[in-house]
Amino acid sequence: MTNDPFFDFQLEFTFSDNWLADLDRQITLLLSTIEGTMPLERGLGIMRDFVDKPPAVVKSLYTAEATRKISEFIPWVRVQEVIWLPAEQGHFKPKVVITRA
């Protein structure tokens, strides 16, 4: 894991089932991993090459990347929306809202 505030996110689900805890672990692993660092699955994770861009660009690229990666690695759910919450020291934190595919 990294101490980068960009990878400090919150998940919200629009459904509930017994497998929710497992799904939470899967999505947390996917969104908290830097792409290219997972042995045997280098495509798993979120790229970081846009974190030094302007906030509007970062928000857009992160939303697109999270949406694409979740549909690729966890195809039975989809990203409904990403809400940006204020965080410490002027940073922002993505809240990823998940729904069934």
Protein backbone atom coordinates (compact mmCIF):
# COMPACT_ATOMS: atom_id res chain seq x y z
CA MET A 1 0.00 0.00 0.00
CA THR A 2 1.06 3.55 -0.45
CA ASN A 3 0.70 6.64 1.73
CA ASP A 4 -0.42 8.62 -1.31
CA PRO A 5 -3.70 10.39 -0.39
CA PHE A 6 -4.91 9.73 -3.94
CA PHE A 7 -5.30 6.04 -3.08
CA ASP A 8 -7.37 6.81 0.03
CA PHE A 9 -10.88 6.19 -1.27
CA GLN A 10 -14.33 5.25 -0.01
CA LEU A 11 -16.71 2.69 -1.51
CA GLU A 12 -20.50 2.78 -1.46
CA PHE A 13 -22.70 -0.06 -2.73
CA THR A 14 -26.27 0.26 -3.98
CA PHE A 15 -27.08 -3.36 -3.04
CA SER A 16 -26.40 -5.78 -0.18
CA ASP A 17 -25.71 -9.51 -0.18
CA ASN A 18 -23.65 -12.05 1.76
CA TRP A 19 -20.77 -11.74 -0.70
CA LEU A 20 -20.41 -8.02 -0.08
CA ALA A 21 -17.36 -8.40 2.19
CA ASP A 22 -15.53 -10.41 -0.48
CA LEU A 23 -16.46 -7.89 -3.15
CA ASP A 24 -15.22 -5.08 -0.89
CA ARG A 25 -11.84 -6.84 -0.57
CA GLN A 26 -11.60 -7.34 -4.35
CA ILE A 27 -12.40 -3.73 -5.20
CA THR A 28 -10.16 -2.40 -2.43
CA LEU A 29 -7.25 -4.48 -3.73
CA LEU A 30 -7.89 -3.32 -7.30
CA LEU A 31 -8.19 0.38 -6.48
CA SER A 32 -5.38 0.51 -3.92
CA THR A 33 -2.80 -1.27 -6.10
CA ILE A 34 -0.53 0.70 -8.40
CA GLU A 35 -0.71 -0.75 -11.90
CA GLY A 36 2.35 -2.84 -12.74
CA THR A 37 3.22 -3.84 -9.16
CA MET A 38 1.20 -7.08 -8.84
CA PRO A 39 3.31 -10.12 -9.78
CA LEU A 40 1.68 -12.35 -12.44
CA GLU A 41 -1.03 -9.73 -13.09
CA ARG A 42 0.73 -6.52 -14.09
CA GLY A 43 -2.50 -4.99 -15.44
CA LEU A 44 -4.19 -5.12 -12.02
CA GLY A 45 -4.37 -1.75 -10.31
CA ILE A 46 -4.72 1.92 -11.13
CA MET A 47 -2.13 3.86 -13.11
CA ARG A 48 -0.60 6.84 -11.32
CA ASP A 49 0.88 8.85 -14.16
CA PHE A 50 -1.83 11.51 -13.95
CA VAL A 51 -1.58 12.43 -10.24
CA ASP A 52 0.46 15.58 -10.92
CA LYS A 53 -2.05 17.01 -13.40
CA PRO A 54 -4.67 19.70 -12.63
CA PRO A 55 -7.48 18.52 -10.31
CA ALA A 56 -10.17 18.42 -13.02
CA VAL A 57 -7.94 16.24 -15.22
CA VAL A 58 -7.05 13.92 -12.32
CA LYS A 59 -10.73 13.48 -11.42
CA SER A 60 -11.68 12.69 -15.00
CA LEU A 61 -8.80 10.27 -15.63
CA TYR A 62 -9.22 8.50 -12.28
CA THR A 63 -12.95 8.05 -12.89
CA ALA A 64 -12.29 6.60 -16.34
CA GLU A 65 -9.51 4.34 -15.05
CA ALA A 66 -11.50 3.03 -12.07
CA THR A 67 -14.53 2.41 -14.29
CA ARG A 68 -12.47 0.55 -16.89
CA LYS A 69 -10.52 -1.54 -14.38
CA ILE A 70 -13.58 -2.56 -12.38
CA SER A 71 -15.42 -3.63 -15.54
CA GLU A 72 -12.33 -5.59 -16.66
CA PHE A 73 -11.46 -7.35 -13.39
CA ILE A 74 -14.85 -7.50 -11.61
CA PRO A 75 -17.39 -7.68 -14.48
CA TRP A 76 -20.46 -8.50 -12.33
CA VAL A 77 -20.50 -4.95 -10.92
CA ARG A 78 -20.05 -1.52 -12.45
CA VAL A 79 -19.17 1.96 -11.30
CA GLN A 80 -22.35 4.01 -10.97
CA GLU A 81 -20.49 7.23 -10.19
CA VAL A 82 -17.42 8.68 -8.52
CA ILE A 83 -18.09 11.45 -6.01
CA TRP A 84 -15.18 13.65 -4.96
CA LEU A 85 -14.99 14.43 -1.24
CA PRO A 86 -12.70 17.02 0.39
CA ALA A 87 -9.72 15.59 2.26
CA GLU A 88 -6.77 16.91 4.26
CA GLN A 89 -4.57 19.75 3.07
CA GLY A 90 -6.62 20.68 0.02
CA HIS A 91 -6.64 17.17 -1.42
CA PHE A 92 -9.75 15.31 -2.54
CA LYS A 93 -10.84 11.73 -2.03
CA PRO A 94 -12.84 9.62 -4.50
CA LYS A 95 -15.99 7.89 -3.27
CA VAL A 96 -16.65 5.09 -5.76
CA VAL A 97 -20.33 4.08 -5.91
CA ILE A 98 -20.79 0.50 -7.13
CA THR A 99 -23.92 -1.14 -8.51
CA ARG A 100 -24.73 -4.51 -10.07
CA ALA A 101 -23.85 -4.91 -13.73
